[in-house]
């Protein structure tokens, strides 16, 4: 039985390889859905979905406002929109950037903590700023779970280090083991 209903993932600089590594080992039969914020330029080409789809069996989807969330799917925040998780659905917002980013990892994590409480898993991956640290702390305060990439395995360790400075995660995991660590929470 799954310990969580949703897995939220945040990545910044170096995130493409980290996300490809993480999602490569996850199964589409998973009883959870996944939501991802990967920092990128507001006018970036829409290539993230196919780049991730080629490395995972999950169904990778560009998130849309008010979209129902389906288990076994990975929803990606579109460039220049915050992605929020609600009970069973996704929302998009054009609110101002948070931590200089839109989409913001903190916004995704905080919305998941509000909607799912102890049934959420947050994953903080490589990145060059503190976005995600406050959101990870929100997940822990709500009784949820957090995994942080081992900074020694991160292309940029600033995001994992900022998260570790804000809260005590369930585990600090090397990138190569992150997929199996996430799978353990998904049942």
N, C-alpha and C. Protein backbone atom coordinates (compact mmCIF):
# COMPACT_ATOMS: atom_id res chain seq x y z
N UNK A 1 0.84 -1.19 0.00
CA UNK A 1 0.00 0.00 0.00
C UNK A 1 0.88 1.24 0.00
N UNK A 2 0.51 2.22 -0.78
CA UNK A 2 1.28 3.45 -0.91
C UNK A 2 1.21 4.28 0.37
N UNK A 3 2.34 4.87 0.74
CA UNK A 3 2.39 5.79 1.88
C UNK A 3 1.94 7.18 1.47
N UNK A 4 1.92 7.45 0.16
CA UNK A 4 1.60 8.78 -0.33
C UNK A 4 0.63 8.70 -1.51
N UNK A 5 -0.01 9.83 -1.80
CA UNK A 5 -0.92 9.93 -2.95
C UNK A 5 -0.32 10.74 -4.09
N UNK A 6 0.66 11.59 -3.76
CA UNK A 6 1.26 12.45 -4.77
C UNK A 6 2.75 12.62 -4.44
N UNK A 7 3.55 12.68 -5.49
CA UNK A 7 4.98 12.96 -5.36
C UNK A 7 5.25 14.25 -6.12
N UNK A 8 5.78 15.25 -5.41
CA UNK A 8 6.12 16.53 -6.04
C UNK A 8 7.64 16.63 -6.10
N UNK A 9 8.15 17.06 -7.24
CA UNK A 9 9.58 17.08 -7.48
C UNK A 9 9.99 18.48 -7.94
N UNK A 10 11.09 18.95 -7.39
CA UNK A 10 11.62 20.25 -7.78
C UNK A 10 13.07 20.15 -8.20
N UNK A 11 13.40 20.78 -9.32
CA UNK A 11 14.76 20.77 -9.84
C UNK A 11 15.05 22.10 -10.52
N UNK A 12 16.32 22.45 -10.52
CA UNK A 12 16.76 23.66 -11.19
C UNK A 12 17.96 23.29 -12.05
N UNK A 13 19.05 24.04 -11.94
CA UNK A 13 20.21 23.81 -12.78
C UNK A 13 20.71 22.37 -12.63
N UNK A 14 20.85 21.66 -13.75
CA UNK A 14 21.24 20.26 -13.74
C UNK A 14 20.06 19.32 -13.62
N UNK A 15 18.87 19.86 -13.61
CA UNK A 15 17.68 19.07 -13.35
C UNK A 15 17.28 18.09 -14.43
N UNK A 16 17.61 18.37 -15.68
CA UNK A 16 17.18 17.46 -16.75
C UNK A 16 17.77 16.07 -16.53
N UNK A 17 19.06 15.99 -16.31
CA UNK A 17 19.68 14.68 -16.10
C UNK A 17 19.18 14.07 -14.80
N UNK A 18 19.04 14.86 -13.76
CA UNK A 18 18.54 14.34 -12.48
C UNK A 18 17.14 13.79 -12.64
N UNK A 19 16.27 14.50 -13.35
CA UNK A 19 14.89 14.03 -13.55
C UNK A 19 14.85 12.79 -14.43
N UNK A 20 15.64 12.77 -15.49
CA UNK A 20 15.69 11.58 -16.33
C UNK A 20 16.13 10.36 -15.51
N UNK A 21 17.10 10.54 -14.65
CA UNK A 21 17.58 9.45 -13.80
C UNK A 21 16.50 9.00 -12.82
N UNK A 22 15.86 9.95 -12.16
CA UNK A 22 14.81 9.63 -11.19
C UNK A 22 13.65 8.90 -11.85
N UNK A 23 13.10 9.45 -12.91
CA UNK A 23 11.87 8.91 -13.49
C UNK A 23 12.09 7.64 -14.31
N UNK A 24 13.33 7.35 -14.67
CA UNK A 24 13.61 6.15 -15.47
C UNK A 24 13.18 4.87 -14.78
N UNK A 25 13.25 4.83 -13.46
CA UNK A 25 12.96 3.57 -12.76
C UNK A 25 11.55 3.49 -12.19
N UNK A 26 10.72 4.49 -12.42
CA UNK A 26 9.36 4.48 -11.85
C UNK A 26 8.37 3.84 -12.82
N UNK A 27 7.43 3.11 -12.23
CA UNK A 27 6.48 2.33 -13.02
C UNK A 27 5.16 3.06 -13.23
N UNK A 28 4.55 2.90 -14.41
CA UNK A 28 3.28 3.57 -14.68
C UNK A 28 2.12 2.99 -13.87
N UNK A 29 2.28 1.82 -13.28
CA UNK A 29 1.23 1.22 -12.45
C UNK A 29 1.21 1.85 -11.07
N UNK A 30 2.06 2.82 -10.84
CA UNK A 30 2.17 3.45 -9.53
C UNK A 30 0.82 4.02 -9.08
N UNK A 31 0.47 3.83 -7.80
CA UNK A 31 -0.81 4.34 -7.29
C UNK A 31 -0.75 5.81 -6.90
N UNK A 32 0.16 6.56 -7.49
CA UNK A 32 0.32 7.99 -7.20
C UNK A 32 0.48 8.75 -8.52
N UNK A 33 0.34 10.06 -8.45
CA UNK A 33 0.73 10.87 -9.60
C UNK A 33 1.90 11.74 -9.18
N UNK A 34 2.62 12.24 -10.17
CA UNK A 34 3.84 13.01 -9.97
C UNK A 34 3.65 14.39 -10.58
N UNK A 35 4.16 15.41 -9.90
CA UNK A 35 4.13 16.78 -10.42
C UNK A 35 5.54 17.34 -10.33
N UNK A 36 5.99 17.97 -11.40
CA UNK A 36 7.37 18.43 -11.50
C UNK A 36 7.46 19.90 -11.83
N UNK A 37 8.29 20.61 -11.07
CA UNK A 37 8.74 21.95 -11.44
C UNK A 37 10.22 21.84 -11.77
N UNK A 38 10.54 22.17 -13.01
CA UNK A 38 11.92 22.28 -13.47
C UNK A 38 12.10 23.73 -13.89
N UNK A 39 13.00 24.45 -13.22
CA UNK A 39 13.23 25.84 -13.61
C UNK A 39 13.71 25.89 -15.06
N UNK A 40 13.15 26.82 -15.81
CA UNK A 40 13.57 27.04 -17.19
C UNK A 40 13.18 28.45 -17.61
N UNK A 41 13.74 28.88 -18.69
CA UNK A 41 13.48 30.23 -19.20
C UNK A 41 12.01 30.36 -19.57
N UNK A 42 11.39 31.52 -19.30
CA UNK A 42 9.96 31.70 -19.60
C UNK A 42 9.59 31.44 -21.06
N UNK A 43 10.51 31.67 -21.98
CA UNK A 43 10.19 31.47 -23.39
C UNK A 43 10.93 30.25 -23.96
N UNK A 44 11.25 29.31 -23.09
CA UNK A 44 11.98 28.14 -23.56
C UNK A 44 11.10 27.29 -24.48
N UNK A 45 11.75 26.61 -25.39
CA UNK A 45 11.04 25.70 -26.29
C UNK A 45 10.41 24.59 -25.44
N UNK A 46 9.30 24.09 -25.89
CA UNK A 46 8.53 23.10 -25.14
C UNK A 46 9.08 21.70 -25.39
N UNK A 47 10.35 21.46 -24.98
CA UNK A 47 11.00 20.19 -25.25
C UNK A 47 11.13 19.30 -24.02
N UNK A 48 10.79 19.82 -22.85
CA UNK A 48 10.98 19.05 -21.62
C UNK A 48 10.17 17.75 -21.62
N UNK A 49 8.91 17.83 -22.04
CA UNK A 49 8.06 16.63 -22.04
C UNK A 49 8.66 15.51 -22.88
N UNK A 50 9.01 15.74 -24.15
CA UNK A 50 9.58 14.62 -24.92
C UNK A 50 10.94 14.15 -24.39
N UNK A 51 11.73 15.07 -23.82
CA UNK A 51 13.02 14.66 -23.26
C UNK A 51 12.84 13.75 -22.05
N UNK A 52 11.81 14.01 -21.25
CA UNK A 52 11.54 13.13 -20.12
C UNK A 52 10.83 11.85 -20.56
N UNK A 53 9.89 11.97 -21.50
CA UNK A 53 9.14 10.79 -21.94
C UNK A 53 10.07 9.72 -22.50
N UNK A 54 11.15 10.12 -23.12
CA UNK A 54 12.08 9.14 -23.69
C UNK A 54 12.88 8.38 -22.63
N UNK A 55 12.73 8.78 -21.35
CA UNK A 55 13.47 8.13 -20.26
C UNK A 55 12.58 7.51 -19.19
N UNK A 56 11.28 7.46 -19.42
CA UNK A 56 10.39 6.91 -18.40
C UNK A 56 9.20 6.19 -19.03
N UNK A 57 8.64 5.25 -18.26
CA UNK A 57 7.42 4.56 -18.67
C UNK A 57 6.18 5.31 -18.20
N UNK A 58 6.36 6.28 -17.32
CA UNK A 58 5.22 7.09 -16.89
C UNK A 58 4.69 7.87 -18.10
N UNK A 59 3.43 8.23 -18.05
CA UNK A 59 2.87 9.11 -19.08
C UNK A 59 3.21 10.54 -18.69
N UNK A 60 3.98 11.22 -19.52
CA UNK A 60 4.43 12.58 -19.23
C UNK A 60 3.50 13.57 -19.93
N UNK A 61 3.00 14.53 -19.15
CA UNK A 61 1.98 15.45 -19.64
C UNK A 61 2.37 16.88 -19.27
N UNK A 62 2.22 17.80 -20.21
CA UNK A 62 2.33 19.22 -19.88
C UNK A 62 1.06 19.62 -19.14
N UNK A 63 1.19 20.07 -17.91
CA UNK A 63 0.04 20.38 -17.07
C UNK A 63 -0.78 21.52 -17.68
N UNK A 64 -2.09 21.42 -17.50
CA UNK A 64 -3.02 22.46 -17.90
C UNK A 64 -3.87 22.83 -16.69
N UNK A 65 -4.41 24.04 -16.70
CA UNK A 65 -5.23 24.50 -15.59
C UNK A 65 -6.48 23.65 -15.46
N UNK A 66 -6.78 23.26 -14.22
CA UNK A 66 -7.98 22.48 -13.86
C UNK A 66 -7.94 21.05 -14.42
N UNK A 67 -6.77 20.58 -14.80
CA UNK A 67 -6.61 19.22 -15.34
C UNK A 67 -6.74 18.20 -14.21
N UNK A 68 -7.55 17.15 -14.41
CA UNK A 68 -7.60 16.08 -13.41
C UNK A 68 -6.25 15.35 -13.37
N UNK A 69 -5.84 14.95 -12.19
CA UNK A 69 -4.58 14.22 -12.02
C UNK A 69 -4.85 12.72 -12.01
N UNK A 70 -4.09 11.99 -12.83
CA UNK A 70 -4.27 10.54 -12.92
C UNK A 70 -3.01 9.84 -12.41
N UNK A 71 -3.22 8.76 -11.68
CA UNK A 71 -2.09 7.98 -11.18
C UNK A 71 -1.26 7.46 -12.34
N UNK A 72 0.04 7.34 -12.11
CA UNK A 72 0.95 6.86 -13.14
C UNK A 72 1.33 7.91 -14.16
N UNK A 73 0.91 9.15 -13.93
CA UNK A 73 1.23 10.25 -14.84
C UNK A 73 2.20 11.22 -14.16
N UNK A 74 3.04 11.81 -14.97
CA UNK A 74 3.97 12.86 -14.54
C UNK A 74 3.54 14.16 -15.20
N UNK A 75 3.16 15.13 -14.38
CA UNK A 75 2.69 16.42 -14.87
C UNK A 75 3.80 17.45 -14.71
N UNK A 76 4.09 18.16 -15.79
CA UNK A 76 5.18 19.14 -15.82
C UNK A 76 4.61 20.55 -15.82
N UNK A 77 5.18 21.40 -14.97
CA UNK A 77 4.80 22.82 -14.97
C UNK A 77 5.23 23.45 -16.29
N UNK A 78 4.32 24.14 -16.96
CA UNK A 78 4.73 24.84 -18.18
C UNK A 78 5.64 26.02 -17.86
N UNK A 79 6.44 26.41 -18.80
CA UNK A 79 7.32 27.57 -18.62
C UNK A 79 6.47 28.79 -18.29
N UNK A 80 6.92 29.56 -17.30
CA UNK A 80 6.33 30.84 -16.90
C UNK A 80 4.98 30.73 -16.20
N UNK A 81 4.64 29.54 -15.67
CA UNK A 81 3.43 29.36 -14.86
C UNK A 81 3.78 28.56 -13.62
N UNK A 82 3.22 28.96 -12.49
CA UNK A 82 3.32 28.15 -11.28
C UNK A 82 2.38 26.96 -11.44
N UNK A 83 2.80 25.81 -10.95
CA UNK A 83 1.97 24.61 -10.92
C UNK A 83 1.57 24.35 -9.48
N UNK A 84 0.27 24.19 -9.26
CA UNK A 84 -0.26 23.89 -7.94
C UNK A 84 -1.02 22.58 -7.98
N UNK A 85 -0.97 21.86 -6.88
CA UNK A 85 -1.69 20.60 -6.74
C UNK A 85 -2.89 20.84 -5.84
N UNK A 86 -4.04 20.39 -6.29
CA UNK A 86 -5.26 20.41 -5.49
C UNK A 86 -5.68 18.96 -5.33
N UNK A 87 -6.67 18.68 -4.54
CA UNK A 87 -7.13 17.30 -4.37
C UNK A 87 -7.64 16.77 -5.71
N UNK A 88 -6.84 15.90 -6.34
CA UNK A 88 -7.26 15.24 -7.57
C UNK A 88 -7.12 16.06 -8.84
N UNK A 89 -6.57 17.25 -8.75
CA UNK A 89 -6.44 18.07 -9.96
C UNK A 89 -5.23 18.99 -9.85
N UNK A 90 -4.97 19.68 -10.94
CA UNK A 90 -3.84 20.59 -11.05
C UNK A 90 -4.35 21.98 -11.40
N UNK A 91 -3.64 22.99 -10.92
CA UNK A 91 -3.97 24.37 -11.24
C UNK A 91 -2.72 25.07 -11.73
N UNK A 92 -2.90 26.07 -12.57
CA UNK A 92 -1.80 26.91 -13.03
C UNK A 92 -2.05 28.33 -12.56
N UNK A 93 -0.97 29.05 -12.32
CA UNK A 93 -1.07 30.43 -11.86
C UNK A 93 0.01 31.27 -12.52
N UNK A 94 -0.36 32.51 -12.86
CA UNK A 94 0.60 33.47 -13.39
C UNK A 94 0.97 34.50 -12.33
N UNK A 95 0.81 34.14 -11.04
CA UNK A 95 1.21 35.03 -9.96
C UNK A 95 2.70 35.36 -10.10
N UNK A 96 3.16 36.41 -9.43
CA UNK A 96 4.57 36.81 -9.55
C UNK A 96 5.54 35.69 -9.18
N UNK A 97 6.75 35.77 -9.71
CA UNK A 97 7.77 34.76 -9.37
C UNK A 97 8.01 34.68 -7.86
N UNK A 98 8.36 33.50 -7.42
CA UNK A 98 8.75 33.23 -6.03
C UNK A 98 10.19 32.72 -6.09
N UNK A 99 11.05 33.26 -5.27
CA UNK A 99 12.49 32.91 -5.32
C UNK A 99 13.03 33.13 -6.73
N UNK A 100 12.57 34.19 -7.36
CA UNK A 100 13.01 34.58 -8.70
C UNK A 100 12.59 33.58 -9.78
N UNK A 101 11.63 32.72 -9.47
CA UNK A 101 11.27 31.65 -10.42
C UNK A 101 9.76 31.56 -10.60
N UNK A 102 9.36 31.35 -11.84
CA UNK A 102 8.00 30.96 -12.18
C UNK A 102 8.14 30.01 -13.35
N UNK A 103 7.95 28.72 -13.10
CA UNK A 103 7.32 28.11 -11.94
C UNK A 103 8.27 28.04 -10.74
N UNK A 104 7.66 28.04 -9.56
CA UNK A 104 8.42 27.95 -8.32
C UNK A 104 8.20 26.59 -7.67
N UNK A 105 9.28 26.01 -7.19
CA UNK A 105 9.21 24.75 -6.46
C UNK A 105 8.45 24.96 -5.15
N UNK A 106 8.73 26.07 -4.46
CA UNK A 106 8.02 26.33 -3.20
C UNK A 106 6.51 26.36 -3.39
N UNK A 107 6.04 26.99 -4.44
CA UNK A 107 4.59 27.08 -4.70
C UNK A 107 4.01 25.67 -4.88
N UNK A 108 4.66 24.84 -5.68
CA UNK A 108 4.18 23.47 -5.88
C UNK A 108 4.16 22.71 -4.56
N UNK A 109 5.27 22.74 -3.83
CA UNK A 109 5.37 21.97 -2.58
C UNK A 109 4.36 22.45 -1.55
N UNK A 110 4.19 23.76 -1.40
CA UNK A 110 3.25 24.29 -0.41
C UNK A 110 1.81 23.92 -0.76
N UNK A 111 1.47 23.95 -2.05
CA UNK A 111 0.11 23.56 -2.44
C UNK A 111 -0.13 22.08 -2.17
N UNK A 112 0.88 21.25 -2.41
CA UNK A 112 0.74 19.81 -2.15
C UNK A 112 0.59 19.55 -0.66
N UNK A 113 1.36 20.26 0.15
CA UNK A 113 1.24 20.11 1.60
C UNK A 113 -0.16 20.49 2.07
N UNK A 114 -0.70 21.58 1.53
CA UNK A 114 -2.06 22.01 1.90
C UNK A 114 -3.10 20.99 1.47
N UNK A 115 -2.95 20.44 0.27
CA UNK A 115 -3.97 19.54 -0.27
C UNK A 115 -3.87 18.11 0.26
N UNK A 116 -2.66 17.63 0.49
CA UNK A 116 -2.47 16.20 0.80
C UNK A 116 -1.85 15.92 2.17
N UNK A 117 -1.35 16.93 2.86
CA UNK A 117 -0.82 16.74 4.21
C UNK A 117 0.19 15.61 4.31
N UNK A 118 -0.11 14.62 5.14
CA UNK A 118 0.83 13.52 5.38
C UNK A 118 0.93 12.54 4.21
N UNK A 119 0.12 12.73 3.17
CA UNK A 119 0.11 11.81 2.02
C UNK A 119 0.89 12.35 0.83
N UNK A 120 1.84 13.26 1.08
CA UNK A 120 2.66 13.84 0.01
C UNK A 120 4.13 13.52 0.25
N UNK A 121 4.84 13.28 -0.84
CA UNK A 121 6.29 13.12 -0.82
C UNK A 121 6.88 14.23 -1.67
N UNK A 122 7.77 15.01 -1.09
CA UNK A 122 8.50 16.04 -1.83
C UNK A 122 9.92 15.58 -2.10
N UNK A 123 10.41 15.87 -3.29
CA UNK A 123 11.77 15.48 -3.69
C UNK A 123 12.50 16.73 -4.16
N UNK A 124 13.59 17.06 -3.47
CA UNK A 124 14.41 18.22 -3.82
C UNK A 124 15.64 17.71 -4.55
N UNK A 125 15.77 18.13 -5.80
CA UNK A 125 16.91 17.73 -6.63
C UNK A 125 17.87 18.91 -6.81
N UNK A 126 18.86 18.71 -7.63
CA UNK A 126 19.91 19.68 -7.91
C UNK A 126 19.35 21.07 -8.24
N UNK A 127 20.10 22.10 -7.88
CA UNK A 127 19.70 23.45 -8.20
C UNK A 127 20.64 24.48 -7.60
N UNK A 128 20.57 25.70 -8.13
CA UNK A 128 21.54 26.72 -7.74
C UNK A 128 20.94 27.82 -6.88
N UNK A 129 19.74 27.60 -6.31
CA UNK A 129 19.21 28.60 -5.38
C UNK A 129 18.42 27.89 -4.27
N UNK A 130 17.72 28.66 -3.47
CA UNK A 130 17.02 28.10 -2.31
C UNK A 130 15.56 27.75 -2.59
N UNK A 131 15.09 27.89 -3.81
CA UNK A 131 13.71 27.54 -4.12
C UNK A 131 13.49 26.06 -3.81
N UNK A 132 12.45 25.76 -3.07
CA UNK A 132 12.15 24.40 -2.66
C UNK A 132 12.38 24.17 -1.18
N UNK A 133 13.27 24.96 -0.58
CA UNK A 133 13.57 24.76 0.84
C UNK A 133 12.36 25.07 1.72
N UNK A 134 11.73 26.21 1.49
CA UNK A 134 10.56 26.58 2.28
C UNK A 134 9.41 25.60 2.02
N UNK A 135 9.23 25.21 0.79
CA UNK A 135 8.17 24.26 0.46
C UNK A 135 8.40 22.90 1.09
N UNK A 136 9.66 22.45 1.12
CA UNK A 136 9.99 21.18 1.78
C UNK A 136 9.66 21.27 3.26
N UNK A 137 9.97 22.40 3.89
CA UNK A 137 9.64 22.60 5.30
C UNK A 137 8.12 22.56 5.51
N UNK A 138 7.36 23.12 4.56
CA UNK A 138 5.89 23.08 4.65
C UNK A 138 5.37 21.65 4.58
N UNK A 139 5.96 20.84 3.71
CA UNK A 139 5.55 19.44 3.61
C UNK A 139 5.81 18.73 4.94
N UNK A 140 6.98 18.95 5.53
CA UNK A 140 7.29 18.30 6.81
C UNK A 140 6.34 18.77 7.91
N UNK A 141 6.03 20.07 7.96
CA UNK A 141 5.10 20.58 8.97
C UNK A 141 3.72 19.96 8.83
N UNK A 142 3.33 19.62 7.59
CA UNK A 142 2.02 19.01 7.34
C UNK A 142 2.02 17.51 7.62
N UNK A 143 3.18 16.97 8.02
CA UNK A 143 3.27 15.53 8.30
C UNK A 143 3.68 14.70 7.11
N UNK A 144 4.02 15.36 6.01
CA UNK A 144 4.44 14.65 4.80
C UNK A 144 5.90 14.23 4.86
N UNK A 145 6.37 13.74 3.74
CA UNK A 145 7.71 13.16 3.64
C UNK A 145 8.54 13.95 2.63
N UNK A 146 9.86 14.01 2.88
CA UNK A 146 10.76 14.72 1.97
C UNK A 146 12.03 13.90 1.78
N UNK A 147 12.44 13.78 0.52
CA UNK A 147 13.73 13.22 0.17
C UNK A 147 14.55 14.33 -0.48
N UNK A 148 15.82 14.39 -0.13
CA UNK A 148 16.71 15.41 -0.68
C UNK A 148 17.87 14.71 -1.36
N UNK A 149 18.17 15.15 -2.58
CA UNK A 149 19.33 14.60 -3.29
C UNK A 149 20.59 14.89 -2.50
N UNK A 150 21.43 13.90 -2.36
CA UNK A 150 22.72 14.09 -1.71
C UNK A 150 23.46 15.20 -2.46
N UNK A 151 23.81 16.29 -1.77
CA UNK A 151 24.48 17.40 -2.46
C UNK A 151 25.75 16.97 -3.20
N UNK A 152 26.41 15.94 -2.72
CA UNK A 152 27.63 15.47 -3.38
C UNK A 152 27.35 14.88 -4.75
N UNK A 153 26.10 14.49 -5.02
CA UNK A 153 25.74 13.92 -6.33
C UNK A 153 24.98 14.91 -7.20
N UNK A 154 24.81 16.14 -6.72
CA UNK A 154 24.06 17.16 -7.45
C UNK A 154 25.01 17.98 -8.32
N UNK A 155 24.56 18.28 -9.54
CA UNK A 155 25.36 19.17 -10.39
C UNK A 155 25.56 20.51 -9.70
N UNK A 156 24.50 21.01 -9.06
CA UNK A 156 24.57 22.22 -8.25
C UNK A 156 23.99 21.88 -6.87
N UNK A 157 24.76 21.97 -5.81
CA UNK A 157 24.31 21.54 -4.49
C UNK A 157 23.51 22.57 -3.70
N UNK A 158 23.37 23.80 -4.21
CA UNK A 158 22.74 24.85 -3.41
C UNK A 158 21.30 24.52 -3.00
N UNK A 159 20.49 23.99 -3.89
CA UNK A 159 19.10 23.68 -3.54
C UNK A 159 19.01 22.58 -2.49
N UNK A 160 19.70 21.45 -2.68
CA UNK A 160 19.67 20.44 -1.61
C UNK A 160 20.20 20.97 -0.28
N UNK A 161 21.28 21.75 -0.31
CA UNK A 161 21.83 22.30 0.93
C UNK A 161 20.85 23.26 1.61
N UNK A 162 20.15 24.08 0.83
CA UNK A 162 19.17 25.01 1.40
C UNK A 162 18.03 24.23 2.05
N UNK A 163 17.57 23.16 1.41
CA UNK A 163 16.50 22.33 1.99
C UNK A 163 16.98 21.70 3.29
N UNK A 164 18.19 21.19 3.30
CA UNK A 164 18.73 20.56 4.51
C UNK A 164 18.88 21.56 5.65
N UNK A 165 19.13 22.82 5.32
CA UNK A 165 19.25 23.85 6.35
C UNK A 165 17.89 24.23 6.94
N UNK A 166 16.80 23.98 6.20
CA UNK A 166 15.44 24.36 6.63
C UNK A 166 14.71 23.28 7.39
N UNK A 167 15.01 22.00 7.11
CA UNK A 167 14.25 20.92 7.73
C UNK A 167 15.06 19.63 7.70
N UNK A 168 14.58 18.66 8.46
CA UNK A 168 15.21 17.34 8.50
C UNK A 168 14.42 16.42 7.58
N UNK A 169 15.01 15.99 6.46
CA UNK A 169 14.28 15.14 5.51
C UNK A 169 14.16 13.70 6.02
N UNK A 170 13.33 12.94 5.36
CA UNK A 170 13.24 11.52 5.68
C UNK A 170 14.53 10.82 5.29
N UNK A 171 15.18 11.30 4.23
CA UNK A 171 16.46 10.72 3.80
C UNK A 171 17.18 11.68 2.86
N UNK A 172 18.49 11.59 2.87
CA UNK A 172 19.35 12.25 1.88
C UNK A 172 19.85 11.12 0.99
N UNK A 173 19.55 11.22 -0.31
CA UNK A 173 19.70 10.08 -1.21
C UNK A 173 20.59 10.43 -2.40
N UNK A 174 21.59 9.59 -2.71
CA UNK A 174 22.35 9.81 -3.94
C UNK A 174 21.44 9.74 -5.15
N UNK A 175 21.74 10.51 -6.18
CA UNK A 175 20.88 10.56 -7.36
C UNK A 175 20.59 9.17 -7.92
N UNK A 176 21.58 8.32 -8.03
CA UNK A 176 21.38 6.99 -8.63
C UNK A 176 20.41 6.12 -7.85
N UNK A 177 20.18 6.43 -6.58
CA UNK A 177 19.27 5.64 -5.73
C UNK A 177 17.92 6.32 -5.52
N UNK A 178 17.74 7.52 -6.07
CA UNK A 178 16.53 8.30 -5.79
C UNK A 178 15.28 7.60 -6.32
N UNK A 179 15.35 6.99 -7.49
CA UNK A 179 14.18 6.31 -8.04
C UNK A 179 13.67 5.20 -7.12
N UNK A 180 14.57 4.39 -6.61
CA UNK A 180 14.14 3.31 -5.72
C UNK A 180 13.65 3.86 -4.38
N UNK A 181 14.23 4.96 -3.91
CA UNK A 181 13.76 5.59 -2.67
C UNK A 181 12.34 6.13 -2.85
N UNK A 182 12.07 6.77 -3.98
CA UNK A 182 10.72 7.27 -4.27
C UNK A 182 9.76 6.09 -4.40
N UNK A 183 10.16 5.05 -5.12
CA UNK A 183 9.30 3.88 -5.34
C UNK A 183 8.90 3.25 -4.01
N UNK A 184 9.77 3.28 -3.02
CA UNK A 184 9.46 2.70 -1.72
C UNK A 184 8.28 3.43 -1.05
N UNK A 185 8.15 4.72 -1.29
CA UNK A 185 7.02 5.48 -0.74
C UNK A 185 5.74 5.24 -1.55
N UNK A 186 5.90 4.82 -2.80
CA UNK A 186 4.75 4.66 -3.69
C UNK A 186 4.12 3.28 -3.60
N UNK A 187 4.72 2.36 -2.86
CA UNK A 187 4.14 1.04 -2.66
C UNK A 187 4.37 0.09 -3.80
